[in-house]
Amino acid sequence: MSLHINNKLYLDCRKVEHARNRTRESYRNPVSRLIFNGLLIIVFICTLILPSEVKAIYATKASMKFVWNEASGNPEFYNVYVSVDGGGYILMGTTPSPSYTIEGEDGHNYKMKVQAADSDGNVGPMSDESEVVICDFTPPELVSDLSIILSSVILSWTPVEDAASYSVYRDTTLTFTPDKENGTNRVATHVTDGDSDVEGVQWEDTVDETDKYYFYVVTAVDGAGNESEESLKACYVGFKLHATPDTNYTWIALPFLSDITTAEELGEKIGGECISIGRFDSETQSYITHVLGTPLFNFPVVAGHPYRIEVSKETELRIEGKAVDITQLQFSQYPRD
């Protein structure tokens, strides 16, 4: 029997794709006449996609089910031999059916051989060994230092040591959760560091509307397919600031932490079209207004609070930052001047 693993194999506990057709070799035992033809398939309870040049299979769950075609000659059982971490083959057990499940341990690798046999002591020849199966159950560390570069919507983060690639999730709601199972809000997979001359890993997003909130998280994925916890959220938002015959004011709120700390800095971020930044003071029930370029009423800018922007002509504010916990927005108090 010749045992092989299809190098590009789709594996799932509910469905095993047919491997490529391979030339089968027949082995005949002159005594028992047990003829053993077959193809070995390994079934995990996860989904794996392997490029053709890879000569190892990664298992991200402990249970590994080896499956092969039944030998001709009516064997009564099969002897199963397993090698752990490149060591010698040890008889693991027997099975009456052409399959065998073993429990792998994290950080170890396994190979298998099988042999058809009957109760009279007749055995067929030993099969070829399977390709190595590497058990890796540990996901990478989470992505850190996620930020947005505003020349376009470019995410940047610090590389993770054990990551083979990264996945990016995006939503327009601050409290969103990345859908790792179905990928409904996943916008990119298999992201890698494409430019070693640029610090950090970068990925550029294409957004259809610039006047919306976009919240992002990134996860690291290792070679076995283990996915890390999500990073802290980063946020991009574009505000259209209106100037019409009726009003030159637009109310905005920043549901994230940014480098902007004062009204003057917010006006400078908007540019030369900005005339003033205002906020409503609940204690005096009146507006406090900071006119750009003057020292008066240069109040702090706080995440989650609304600001009234006055502009001389219609323009756009594009800004980024670190998303804050929703409870901080609900219960934060405005600092007194």
C-alpha atoms as a PDB file:
ATOM      1  CA  MET A   1       0.000   0.000   0.000  1.00  0.00           C
ATOM      2  CA  SER A   2       1.268   3.414  -0.869  1.00  0.00           C
ATOM      3  CA  LEU A   3       0.300   6.155   1.593  1.00  0.00           C
ATOM      4  CA  HIS A   4       0.226   9.739   0.459  1.00  0.00           C
ATOM      5  CA  ILE A   5      -1.210  13.061   1.549  1.00  0.00           C
ATOM      6  CA  ASN A   6      -2.551  15.345  -1.137  1.00  0.00           C
ATOM      7  CA  ASN A   7      -0.330  18.427  -0.871  1.00  0.00           C
ATOM      8  CA  LYS A   8      -3.292  20.709  -1.522  1.00  0.00           C
ATOM      9  CA  LEU A   9      -5.851  19.203   0.810  1.00  0.00           C
ATOM     10  CA  TYR A  10      -9.126  20.604   2.081  1.00  0.00           C
ATOM     11  CA  LEU A  11      -9.886  18.982   5.440  1.00  0.00           C
ATOM     12  CA  ASP A  12     -13.048  19.200   7.534  1.00  0.00           C
ATOM     13  CA  CYS A  13     -14.789  16.997  10.086  1.00  0.00           C
ATOM     14  CA  ARG A  14     -18.019  17.056   8.107  1.00  0.00           C
ATOM     15  CA  LYS A  15     -16.604  16.771   4.617  1.00  0.00           C
ATOM     16  CA  VAL A  16     -13.383  15.337   3.216  1.00  0.00           C
ATOM     17  CA  GLU A  17     -12.541  16.417  -0.297  1.00  0.00           C
ATOM     18  CA  HIS A  18     -11.335  13.732  -2.666  1.00  0.00           C
ATOM     19  CA  ALA A  19      -7.584  13.780  -3.008  1.00  0.00           C
ATOM     20  CA  ARG A  20      -5.893  13.796  -6.382  1.00  0.00           C
ATOM     21  CA  ASN A  21      -5.882  10.514  -8.254  1.00  0.00           C
ATOM     22  CA  ARG A  22      -2.564   8.819  -7.793  1.00  0.00           C
ATOM     23  CA  THR A  23      -1.088   5.699  -9.278  1.00  0.00           C
ATOM     24  CA  ARG A  24      -1.887   2.799  -6.958  1.00  0.00           C
ATOM     25  CA  GLU A  25       0.640   0.102  -6.257  1.00  0.00           C
ATOM     26  CA  SER A  26      -0.355  -3.436  -5.330  1.00  0.00           C
ATOM     27  CA  TYR A  27       1.638  -5.368  -2.768  1.00  0.00           C
ATOM     28  CA  ARG A  28       1.127  -9.126  -2.524  1.00  0.00           C
ATOM     29  CA  ASN A  29       2.118 -11.262   0.434  1.00  0.00           C
ATOM     30  CA  PRO A  30       2.917 -14.747  -0.953  1.00  0.00           C
ATOM     31  CA  VAL A  31       1.440 -16.369   2.146  1.00  0.00           C
ATOM     32  CA  SER A  32      -1.601 -14.370   3.074  1.00  0.00           C
ATOM     33  CA  ARG A  33      -2.253 -12.841  -0.378  1.00  0.00           C
ATOM     34  CA  LEU A  34      -3.398  -9.656   1.328  1.00  0.00           C
ATOM     35  CA  ILE A  35      -3.358  -6.965  -1.324  1.00  0.00           C
ATOM     36  CA  PHE A  36      -3.258  -3.437   0.077  1.00  0.00           C
ATOM     37  CA  ASN A  37      -4.006  -0.510  -2.222  1.00  0.00           C
ATOM     38  CA  GLY A  38      -4.887   2.895  -0.958  1.00  0.00           C
ATOM     39  CA  LEU A  39      -4.571   6.539  -0.335  1.00  0.00           C
ATOM     40  CA  LEU A  40      -4.174   7.930   3.171  1.00  0.00           C
ATOM     41  CA  ILE A  41      -6.228  10.960   4.122  1.00  0.00           C
ATOM     42  CA  ILE A  42      -6.031  12.733   7.458  1.00  0.00           C
ATOM     43  CA  VAL A  43      -9.184  14.306   8.871  1.00  0.00           C
ATOM     44  CA  PHE A  44      -9.136  17.078  11.452  1.00  0.00           C
ATOM     45  CA  ILE A  45     -12.010  18.931  13.033  1.00  0.00           C
ATOM     46  CA  CYS A  46     -10.820  22.132  11.430  1.00  0.00           C
ATOM     47  CA  THR A  47     -10.383  23.393   7.871  1.00  0.00           C
ATOM     48  CA  LEU A  48      -6.921  23.569   6.317  1.00  0.00           C
ATOM     49  CA  ILE A  49      -5.745  24.709   2.896  1.00  0.00           C
ATOM     50  CA  LEU A  50      -2.184  23.813   2.021  1.00  0.00           C
ATOM     51  CA  PRO A  51      -0.064  25.125  -0.845  1.00  0.00           C
ATOM     52  CA  SER A  52       1.374  22.439  -3.099  1.00  0.00           C
ATOM     53  CA  GLU A  53       4.989  22.872  -2.001  1.00  0.00           C
ATOM     54  CA  VAL A  54       4.234  22.261   1.690  1.00  0.00           C
ATOM     55  CA  LYS A  55       5.280  18.802   2.888  1.00  0.00           C
ATOM     56  CA  ALA A  56       3.643  19.027   6.302  1.00  0.00           C
ATOM     57  CA  ILE A  57       0.070  19.237   7.519  1.00  0.00           C
ATOM     58  CA  TYR A  58      -0.835  21.389  10.509  1.00  0.00           C
ATOM     59  CA  ALA A  59      -3.352  20.148  13.038  1.00  0.00           C
ATOM     60  CA  THR A  60      -5.007  22.841  15.126  1.00  0.00           C
ATOM     61  CA  LYS A  61      -7.096  20.384  17.179  1.00  0.00           C
ATOM     62  CA  ALA A  62      -6.017  17.314  19.108  1.00  0.00           C
ATOM     63  CA  SER A  63      -8.057  14.640  17.271  1.00  0.00           C
ATOM     64  CA  MET A  64      -6.477  13.367  14.053  1.00  0.00           C
ATOM     65  CA  LYS A  65      -8.241  10.693  12.027  1.00  0.00           C
ATOM     66  CA  PHE A  66      -6.156   8.807   9.468  1.00  0.00           C
ATOM     67  CA  VAL A  67      -8.202   7.199   6.669  1.00  0.00           C
ATOM     68  CA  TRP A  68      -7.117   4.852   3.865  1.00  0.00           C
ATOM     69  CA  ASN A  69      -8.680   2.638   1.193  1.00  0.00           C
ATOM     70  CA  GLU A  70      -9.569  -0.846   2.379  1.00  0.00           C
ATOM     71  CA  ALA A  71      -7.019  -3.508   1.488  1.00  0.00           C
ATOM     72  CA  SER A  72      -8.044  -6.344  -0.831  1.00  0.00           C
ATOM     73  CA  GLY A  73      -7.684  -9.934   0.375  1.00  0.00           C
ATOM     74  CA  ASN A  74     -10.211  -9.481   3.207  1.00  0.00           C
ATOM     75  CA  PRO A  75      -7.884  -8.412   6.020  1.00  0.00           C
ATOM     76  CA  GLU A  76      -9.341  -8.785   9.494  1.00  0.00           C
ATOM     77  CA  PHE A  77      -7.557  -5.780  10.952  1.00  0.00           C
ATOM     78  CA  TYR A  78      -4.755  -3.308  10.432  1.00  0.00           C
ATOM     79  CA  ASN A  79      -1.661  -2.752  12.553  1.00  0.00           C
ATOM     80  CA  VAL A  80      -1.085   0.967  13.119  1.00  0.00           C
ATOM     81  CA  TYR A  81       2.413   2.330  13.721  1.00  0.00           C
ATOM     82  CA  VAL A  82       3.113   5.933  14.742  1.00  0.00           C
ATOM     83  CA  SER A  83       6.305   7.985  14.862  1.00  0.00           C
ATOM     84  CA  VAL A  84       6.424  10.996  17.206  1.00  0.00           C
ATOM     85  CA  ASP A  85       8.871  13.871  16.578  1.00  0.00           C
ATOM     86  CA  GLY A  86      10.880  11.872  14.068  1.00  0.00           C
ATOM     87  CA  GLY A  87      11.478   8.917  16.384  1.00  0.00           C
ATOM     88  CA  GLY A  88      11.093   5.251  15.569  1.00  0.00           C
ATOM     89  CA  TYR A  89       7.739   3.733  14.669  1.00  0.00           C
ATOM     90  CA  ILE A  90       5.858   2.155  17.575  1.00  0.00           C
ATOM     91  CA  LEU A  91       2.811  -0.090  17.314  1.00  0.00           C
ATOM     92  CA  MET A  92       0.018   2.199  18.461  1.00  0.00           C
ATOM     93  CA  GLY A  93      -2.814  -0.319  18.147  1.00  0.00           C
ATOM     94  CA  THR A  94      -5.023  -2.189  15.707  1.00  0.00           C
ATOM     95  CA  THR A  95      -8.274  -1.346  13.972  1.00  0.00           C
ATOM     96  CA  PRO A  96     -10.756  -3.502  12.029  1.00  0.00           C
ATOM     97  CA  SER A  97     -11.662  -0.595   9.739  1.00  0.00           C
ATOM     98  CA  PRO A  98      -9.426   1.400   7.385  1.00  0.00           C
ATOM     99  CA  SER A  99      -9.164   4.389   9.719  1.00  0.00           C
ATOM    100  CA  TYR A 100      -7.553   5.263  13.024  1.00  0.00           C
ATOM    101  CA  THR A 101      -7.820   8.291  15.321  1.00  0.00           C
ATOM    102  CA  ILE A 102      -5.013   9.487  17.555  1.00  0.00           C
ATOM    103  CA  GLU A 103      -4.854  12.381  20.001  1.00  0.00           C
ATOM    104  CA  GLY A 104      -2.003  14.741  19.242  1.00  0.00           C
ATOM    105  CA  GLU A 105      -0.201  17.023  21.687  1.00  0.00           C
ATOM    106  CA  ASP A 106       0.649  20.649  21.084  1.00  0.00           C
ATOM    107  CA  GLY A 107       4.176  21.181  19.780  1.00  0.00           C
ATOM    108  CA  HIS A 108       4.699  17.608  18.539  1.00  0.00           C
ATOM    109  CA  ASN A 109       4.613  16.096  15.055  1.00  0.00           C
ATOM    110  CA  TYR A 110       3.372  12.700  13.922  1.00  0.00           C
ATOM    111  CA  LYS A 111       3.743  10.235  11.039  1.00  0.00           C
ATOM    112  CA  MET A 112       1.947   6.922  10.483  1.00  0.00           C
ATOM    113  CA  LYS A 113       2.384   3.576   8.742  1.00  0.00           C
ATOM    114  CA  VAL A 114      -0.171   0.748   8.546  1.00  0.00           C
ATOM    115  CA  GLN A 115      -0.106  -2.963   7.765  1.00  0.00           C
ATOM    116  CA  ALA A 116      -2.964  -5.312   6.838  1.00  0.00           C
ATOM    117  CA  ALA A 117      -3.186  -8.542   8.868  1.00  0.00           C
ATOM    118  CA  ASP A 118      -5.427 -11.454   9.832  1.00  0.00           C
ATOM    119  CA  SER A 119      -5.869 -13.657  12.910  1.00  0.00           C
ATOM    120  CA  ASP A 120      -3.755 -16.460  11.414  1.00  0.00           C
ATOM    121  CA  GLY A 121      -0.669 -14.307  11.650  1.00  0.00           C
ATOM    122  CA  ASN A 122      -0.534 -13.342   7.982  1.00  0.00           C
ATOM    123  CA  VAL A 123       0.482  -9.740   7.365  1.00  0.00           C
ATOM    124  CA  GLY A 124       0.829  -7.617   4.293  1.00  0.00           C
ATOM    125  CA  PRO A 125       3.799  -5.359   3.618  1.00  0.00           C
ATOM    126  CA  MET A 126       4.285  -2.183   5.582  1.00  0.00           C
ATOM    127  CA  SER A 127       2.898   0.905   3.846  1.00  0.00           C
ATOM    128  CA  ASP A 128       4.918   3.988   3.023  1.00  0.00           C
ATOM    129  CA  GLU A 129       4.882   6.604   5.772  1.00  0.00           C
ATOM    130  CA  SER A 130       2.461   9.476   5.703  1.00  0.00           C
ATOM    131  CA  GLU A 131       3.724  13.003   5.525  1.00  0.00           C
ATOM    132  CA  VAL A 132       4.391  14.732   8.825  1.00  0.00           C
ATOM    133  CA  VAL A 133       1.478  16.194  10.797  1.00  0.00           C
ATOM    134  CA  ILE A 134       2.459  19.118  13.050  1.00  0.00           C
ATOM    135  CA  CYS A 135       0.254  19.860  16.053  1.00  0.00           C
ATOM    136  CA  ASP A 136       0.084  23.579  16.749  1.00  0.00           C
ATOM    137  CA  PHE A 137      -2.768  24.611  19.041  1.00  0.00           C
ATOM    138  CA  THR A 138      -1.357  27.937  20.265  1.00  0.00           C
ATOM    139  CA  PRO A 139      -2.470  31.145  18.498  1.00  0.00           C
ATOM    140  CA  PRO A 140      -0.050  34.048  18.029  1.00  0.00           C
ATOM    141  CA  GLU A 141       0.068  37.047  20.336  1.00  0.00           C
ATOM    142  CA  LEU A 142      -2.454  39.773  19.571  1.00  0.00           C
ATOM    143  CA  VAL A 143      -1.570  42.612  17.231  1.00  0.00           C
ATOM    144  CA  SER A 144      -0.408  45.805  18.955  1.00  0.00           C
ATOM    145  CA  ASP A 145       0.112  49.454  18.010  1.00  0.00           C
ATOM    146  CA  LEU A 146      -2.655  49.439  15.393  1.00  0.00           C
ATOM    147  CA  SER A 147      -2.902  52.901  13.830  1.00  0.00           C
ATOM    148  CA  ILE A 148      -4.212  54.601  10.699  1.00  0.00           C
ATOM    149  CA  ILE A 149      -2.224  56.746   8.266  1.00  0.00           C
ATOM    150  CA  LEU A 150      -4.421  59.434   6.750  1.00  0.00           C
ATOM    151  CA  SER A 151      -2.672  59.976   3.401  1.00  0.00           C
ATOM    152  CA  SER A 152      -5.212  57.288   2.542  1.00  0.00           C
ATOM    153  CA  VAL A 153      -6.889  54.783   4.842  1.00  0.00           C
ATOM    154  CA  ILE A 154      -3.763  52.765   5.646  1.00  0.00           C
ATOM    155  CA  LEU A 155      -3.554  50.559   8.719  1.00  0.00           C
ATOM    156  CA  SER A 156      -0.171  50.019  10.331  1.00  0.00           C
ATOM    157  CA  TRP A 157       0.817  47.711  13.195  1.00  0.00           C
ATOM    158  CA  THR A 158       3.778  46.055  14.872  1.00  0.00           C
ATOM    159  CA  PRO A 159       4.654  42.601  13.452  1.00  0.00           C
ATOM    160  CA  VAL A 160       3.848  39.564  15.622  1.00  0.00           C
ATOM    161  CA  GLU A 161       6.661  37.040  15.975  1.00  0.00           C
ATOM    162  CA  ASP A 162       4.657  33.855  15.343  1.00  0.00           C
ATOM    163  CA  ALA A 163       2.359  35.290  12.652  1.00  0.00           C
ATOM    164  CA  ALA A 164       2.359  33.908   9.122  1.00  0.00           C
ATOM    165  CA  SER A 165      -0.271  36.452   8.029  1.00  0.00           C
ATOM    166  CA  TYR A 166      -2.960  38.793   9.345  1.00  0.00           C
ATOM    167  CA  SER A 167      -6.711  39.290   8.957  1.00  0.00           C
ATOM    168  CA  VAL A 168      -8.429  42.678   9.000  1.00  0.00           C
ATOM    169  CA  TYR A 169     -11.991  43.272  10.204  1.00  0.00           C
ATOM    170  CA  ARG A 170     -13.966  46.474   9.639  1.00  0.00           C
ATOM    171  CA  ASP A 171     -17.336  47.810  10.743  1.00  0.00           C
ATOM    172  CA  THR A 172     -19.132  51.124  11.110  1.00  0.00           C
ATOM    173  CA  THR A 173     -20.138  50.451  14.732  1.00  0.00           C
ATOM    174  CA  LEU A 174     -17.811  51.084  17.675  1.00  0.00           C
ATOM    175  CA  THR A 175     -18.961  48.004  19.607  1.00  0.00           C
ATOM    176  CA  PHE A 176     -18.610  45.521  16.730  1.00  0.00           C
ATOM    177  CA  THR A 177     -17.145  42.042  17.229  1.00  0.00           C
ATOM    178  CA  PRO A 178     -14.992  40.463  14.497  1.00  0.00           C
ATOM    179  CA  ASP A 179     -16.809  37.510  12.907  1.00  0.00           C
ATOM    180  CA  LYS A 180     -13.935  35.024  12.795  1.00  0.00           C
ATOM    181  CA  GLU A 181     -16.156  32.048  11.940  1.00  0.00           C
ATOM    182  CA  ASN A 182     -18.133  33.385   8.973  1.00  0.00           C
ATOM    183  CA  GLY A 183     -16.086  36.436   8.065  1.00  0.00           C
ATOM    184  CA  THR A 184     -19.073  38.727   7.534  1.00  0.00           C
ATOM    185  CA  ASN A 185     -17.056  41.781   8.559  1.00  0.00           C
ATOM    186  CA  ARG A 186     -13.617  40.514   7.502  1.00  0.00           C
ATOM    187  CA  VAL A 187     -12.254  42.703   4.705  1.00  0.00           C
ATOM    188  CA  ALA A 188      -8.808  41.143   4.203  1.00  0.00           C
ATOM    189  CA  THR A 189      -7.022  37.839   4.834  1.00  0.00           C
ATOM    190  CA  HIS A 190      -3.474  36.579   4.293  1.00  0.00           C
ATOM    191  CA  VAL A 191      -2.072  40.086   4.780  1.00  0.00           C
ATOM    192  CA  THR A 192       1.725  40.045   5.007  1.00  0.00           C
ATOM    193  CA  ASP A 193       4.484  42.607   5.380  1.00  0.00           C
ATOM    194  CA  GLY A 194       4.987  43.563   1.755  1.00  0.00           C
ATOM    195  CA  ASP A 195       7.649  46.230   2.280  1.00  0.00           C
ATOM    196  CA  SER A 196      10.525  45.471   4.610  1.00  0.00           C
ATOM    197  CA  ASP A 197      11.821  49.043   4.225  1.00  0.00           C
ATOM    198  CA  VAL A 198       8.700  50.464   5.919  1.00  0.00           C
ATOM    199  CA  GLU A 199       8.418  50.131   9.676  1.00  0.00           C
ATOM    200  CA  GLY A 200       5.565  47.839  10.734  1.00  0.00           C
ATOM    201  CA  VAL A 201       3.043  45.914   8.659  1.00  0.00           C
ATOM    202  CA  GLN A 202       0.762  48.043   6.493  1.00  0.00           C
ATOM    203  CA  TRP A 203      -2.516  47.421   4.688  1.00  0.00           C
ATOM    204  CA  GLU A 204      -4.471  49.947   2.615  1.00  0.00           C
ATOM    205  CA  ASP A 205      -8.253  49.969   2.684  1.00  0.00           C
ATOM    206  CA  THR A 206     -10.562  51.124  -0.090  1.00  0.00           C
ATOM    207  CA  VAL A 207     -13.667  52.777   1.321  1.00  0.00           C
ATOM    208  CA  ASP A 208     -16.583  53.898  -0.828  1.00  0.00           C
ATOM    209  CA  GLU A 209     -17.730  56.724   1.441  1.00  0.00           C
ATOM    210  CA  THR A 210     -15.311  59.005   3.258  1.00  0.00           C
ATOM    211  CA  ASP A 211     -17.940  60.645   5.486  1.00  0.00           C
ATOM    212  CA  LYS A 212     -18.556  57.607   7.703  1.00  0.00           C
ATOM    213  CA  TYR A 213     -17.088  56.012  10.795  1.00  0.00           C
ATOM    214  CA  TYR A 214     -14.859  53.001  10.147  1.00  0.00           C
ATOM    215  CA  PHE A 215     -13.619  50.864  13.029  1.00  0.00           C
ATOM    216  CA  TYR A 216     -10.888  48.270  12.505  1.00  0.00           C
ATOM    217  CA  VAL A 217      -9.317  45.359  14.359  1.00  0.00           C
ATOM    218  CA  VAL A 218      -6.508  43.073  13.188  1.00  0.00           C
ATOM    219  CA  THR A 219      -5.747  39.477  14.152  1.00  0.00           C
ATOM    220  CA  ALA A 220      -2.569  37.461  13.660  1.00  0.00           C
ATOM    221  CA  VAL A 221      -2.745  33.993  12.069  1.00  0.00           C
ATOM    222  CA  ASP A 222       0.048  31.423  12.367  1.00  0.00           C
ATOM    223  CA  GLY A 223       1.033  28.713   9.898  1.00  0.00           C
ATOM    224  CA  ALA A 224      -1.360  26.237  11.496  1.00  0.00           C
ATOM    225  CA  GLY A 225      -4.348  28.547  11.055  1.00  0.00           C
ATOM    226  CA  ASN A 226      -4.611  29.542  14.734  1.00  0.00           C
ATOM    227  CA  GLU A 227      -6.019  33.068  15.003  1.00  0.00           C
ATOM    228  CA  SER A 228      -5.114  35.448  17.818  1.00  0.00           C
ATOM    229  CA  GLU A 229      -7.438  37.597  19.865  1.00  0.00           C
ATOM    230  CA  GLU A 230      -8.332  40.853  18.148  1.00  0.00           C
ATOM    231  CA  SER A 231      -6.256  43.985  18.546  1.00  0.00           C
ATOM    232  CA  LEU A 232      -7.521  47.169  20.138  1.00  0.00           C
ATOM    233  CA  LYS A 233      -9.823  49.037  17.760  1.00  0.00           C
ATOM    234  CA  ALA A 234      -8.557  51.799  15.528  1.00  0.00           C
ATOM    235  CA  CYS A 235     -10.982  54.307  14.042  1.00  0.00           C
ATOM    236  CA  TYR A 236     -11.095  56.441  10.931  1.00  0.00           C
ATOM    237  CA  VAL A 237     -13.822  59.009  10.319  1.00  0.00           C
ATOM    238  CA  GLY A 238     -14.514  61.583   7.668  1.00  0.00           C
ATOM    239  CA  PHE A 239     -16.803  64.524   8.457  1.00  0.00           C
ATOM    240  CA  LYS A 240     -18.325  66.739   5.810  1.00  0.00           C
ATOM    241  CA  LEU A 241     -18.355  70.260   7.217  1.00  0.00           C
ATOM    242  CA  HIS A 242     -21.103  72.339   5.649  1.00  0.00           C
ATOM    243  CA  ALA A 243     -21.253  75.993   4.622  1.00  0.00           C
ATOM    244  CA  THR A 244     -24.648  76.919   3.166  1.00  0.00           C
ATOM    245  CA  PRO A 245     -26.754  80.091   2.945  1.00  0.00           C
ATOM    246  CA  ASP A 246     -28.607  78.844   6.030  1.00  0.00           C
ATOM    247  CA  THR A 247     -25.760  77.770   8.311  1.00  0.00           C
ATOM    248  CA  ASN A 248     -21.992  77.411   8.537  1.00  0.00           C
ATOM    249  CA  TYR A 249     -22.124  75.087  11.525  1.00  0.00           C
ATOM    250  CA  THR A 250     -21.709  71.288  11.724  1.00  0.00           C
ATOM    251  CA  TRP A 251     -21.873  69.223  14.918  1.00  0.00           C
ATOM    252  CA  ILE A 252     -19.355  66.376  15.236  1.00  0.00           C
ATOM    253  CA  ALA A 253     -18.267  63.949  17.957  1.00  0.00           C
ATOM    254  CA  LEU A 254     -15.061  61.912  18.170  1.00  0.00           C
ATOM    255  CA  PRO A 255     -15.681  58.418  19.629  1.00  0.00           C
ATOM    256  CA  PHE A 256     -11.974  57.708  19.900  1.00  0.00           C
ATOM    257  CA  LEU A 257      -8.745  58.980  21.379  1.00  0.00           C
ATOM    258  CA  SER A 258      -6.579  61.033  19.035  1.00  0.00           C
ATOM    259  CA  ASP A 259      -3.557  63.288  19.204  1.00  0.00           C
ATOM    260  CA  ILE A 260      -5.867  66.314  19.232  1.00  0.00           C
ATOM    261  CA  THR A 261      -6.266  67.675  22.757  1.00  0.00           C
ATOM    262  CA  THR A 262      -7.524  71.272  22.375  1.00  0.00           C
ATOM    263  CA  ALA A 263     -10.015  73.238  20.300  1.00  0.00           C
ATOM    264  CA  GLU A 264      -7.169  75.098  18.594  1.00  0.00           C
ATOM    265  CA  GLU A 265      -5.575  71.830  17.515  1.00  0.00           C
ATOM    266  CA  LEU A 266      -8.915  70.580  16.162  1.00  0.00           C
ATOM    267  CA  GLY A 267      -9.297  73.789  14.129  1.00  0.00           C
ATOM    268  CA  GLU A 268      -5.760  73.446  12.770  1.00  0.00           C
ATOM    269  CA  LYS A 269      -6.579  69.879  11.750  1.00  0.00           C
ATOM    270  CA  ILE A 270      -9.573  71.141   9.752  1.00  0.00           C
ATOM    271  CA  GLY A 271      -7.462  73.790   8.029  1.00  0.00           C
ATOM    272  CA  GLY A 272      -7.803  77.365   6.881  1.00  0.00           C
ATOM    273  CA  GLU A 273     -11.568  77.084   6.302  1.00  0.00           C
ATOM    274  CA  CYS A 274     -12.216  76.695  10.055  1.00  0.00           C
ATOM    275  CA  ILE A 275     -13.437  79.828  11.840  1.00  0.00           C
ATOM    276  CA  SER A 276     -14.332  78.592  15.314  1.00  0.00           C
ATOM    277  CA  ILE A 277     -14.886  75.528  17.520  1.00  0.00           C
ATOM    278  CA  GLY A 278     -17.719  75.571  20.036  1.00  0.00           C
ATOM    279  CA  ARG A 279     -19.173  73.402  22.742  1.00  0.00           C
ATOM    280  CA  PHE A 280     -22.301  73.570  24.858  1.00  0.00           C
ATOM    281  CA  ASP A 281     -21.771  74.178  28.577  1.00  0.00           C
ATOM    282  CA  SER A 282     -24.477  72.411  30.569  1.00  0.00           C
ATOM    283  CA  GLU A 283     -23.785  74.413  33.742  1.00  0.00           C
ATOM    284  CA  THR A 284     -24.326  77.843  32.179  1.00  0.00           C
ATOM    285  CA  GLN A 285     -26.695  76.555  29.471  1.00  0.00           C
ATOM    286  CA  SER A 286     -24.745  78.467  26.852  1.00  0.00           C
ATOM    287  CA  TYR A 287     -22.161  77.965  24.124  1.00  0.00           C
ATOM    288  CA  ILE A 288     -18.451  78.415  24.716  1.00  0.00           C
ATOM    289  CA  THR A 289     -16.693  79.324  21.463  1.00  0.00           C
ATOM    290  CA  HIS A 290     -13.005  79.330  20.653  1.00  0.00           C
ATOM    291  CA  VAL A 291     -12.085  81.482  17.669  1.00  0.00           C
ATOM    292  CA  LEU A 292      -9.103  80.064  15.817  1.00  0.00           C
ATOM    293  CA  GLY A 293      -5.854  81.965  16.326  1.00  0.00           C
ATOM    294  CA  THR A 294      -6.961  83.563  19.613  1.00  0.00           C
ATOM    295  CA  PRO A 295      -6.030  82.506  23.165  1.00  0.00           C
ATOM    296  CA  LEU A 296      -9.572  82.681  24.579  1.00  0.00           C
ATOM    297  CA  PHE A 297     -11.612  79.606  25.504  1.00  0.00           C
ATOM    298  CA  ASN A 298      -9.144  77.086  24.072  1.00  0.00           C
ATOM    299  CA  PHE A 299     -10.966  74.272  25.858  1.00  0.00           C
ATOM    300  CA  PRO A 300      -9.888  70.604  25.939  1.00  0.00           C
ATOM    301  CA  VAL A 301     -11.249  68.210  23.303  1.00  0.00           C
ATOM    302  CA  VAL A 302     -12.600  65.011  24.887  1.00  0.00           C
ATOM    303  CA  ALA A 303     -13.604  61.728  23.201  1.00  0.00           C
ATOM    304  CA  GLY A 304     -17.344  61.275  22.935  1.00  0.00           C
ATOM    305  CA  HIS A 305     -18.347  64.923  23.370  1.00  0.00           C
ATOM    306  CA  PRO A 306     -20.021  66.981  20.605  1.00  0.00           C
ATOM    307  CA  TYR A 307     -18.422  70.059  19.057  1.00  0.00           C
ATOM    308  CA  ARG A 308     -19.874  72.745  16.831  1.00  0.00           C
ATOM    309  CA  ILE A 309     -17.579  73.473  13.882  1.00  0.00           C
ATOM    310  CA  GLU A 310     -17.881  76.765  11.986  1.00  0.00           C
ATOM    311  CA  VAL A 311     -16.291  76.916   8.524  1.00  0.00           C
ATOM    312  CA  SER A 312     -16.074  79.587   5.834  1.00  0.00           C
ATOM    313  CA  LYS A 313     -16.691  77.120   3.013  1.00  0.00           C
ATOM    314  CA  GLU A 314     -17.624  73.460   2.685  1.00  0.00           C
ATOM    315  CA  THR A 315     -14.739  71.153   3.498  1.00  0.00           C
ATOM    316  CA  GLU A 316     -13.953  67.736   4.996  1.00  0.00           C
ATOM    317  CA  LEU A 317     -12.253  66.652   8.189  1.00  0.00           C
ATOM    318  CA  ARG A 318     -10.492  63.288   8.097  1.00  0.00           C
ATOM    319  CA  ILE A 319      -9.218  62.044  11.412  1.00  0.00           C
ATOM    320  CA  GLU A 320      -8.077  58.834  13.068  1.00  0.00           C
ATOM    321  CA  GLY A 321      -7.490  57.504  16.575  1.00  0.00           C
ATOM    322  CA  LYS A 322      -7.793  54.694  19.086  1.00  0.00           C
ATOM    323  CA  ALA A 323     -11.362  53.672  19.862  1.00  0.00           C
ATOM    324  CA  VAL A 324     -12.359  54.025  23.506  1.00  0.00           C
ATOM    325  CA  ASP A 325     -14.535  51.722  25.585  1.00  0.00           C
ATOM    326  CA  ILE A 326     -18.211  52.585  25.215  1.00  0.00           C
ATOM    327  CA  THR A 327     -18.603  52.877  28.986  1.00  0.00           C
ATOM    328  CA  GLN A 328     -16.028  55.657  28.999  1.00  0.00           C
ATOM    329  CA  LEU A 329     -18.158  57.569  26.516  1.00  0.00           C
ATOM    330  CA  GLN A 330     -21.308  57.082  28.560  1.00  0.00           C
ATOM    331  CA  PHE A 331     -19.932  58.136  31.938  1.00  0.00           C
ATOM    332  CA  SER A 332     -17.060  60.520  31.208  1.00  0.00           C
ATOM    333  CA  GLN A 333     -17.420  64.027  32.606  1.00  0.00           C
ATOM    334  CA  TYR A 334     -16.346  67.107  30.748  1.00  0.00           C
ATOM    335  CA  PRO A 335     -13.349  68.745  32.452  1.00  0.00           C
ATOM    336  CA  ARG A 336     -13.928  72.258  33.701  1.00  0.00           C
ATOM    337  CA  ASP A 337     -11.964  75.083  32.124  1.00  0.00           C
END
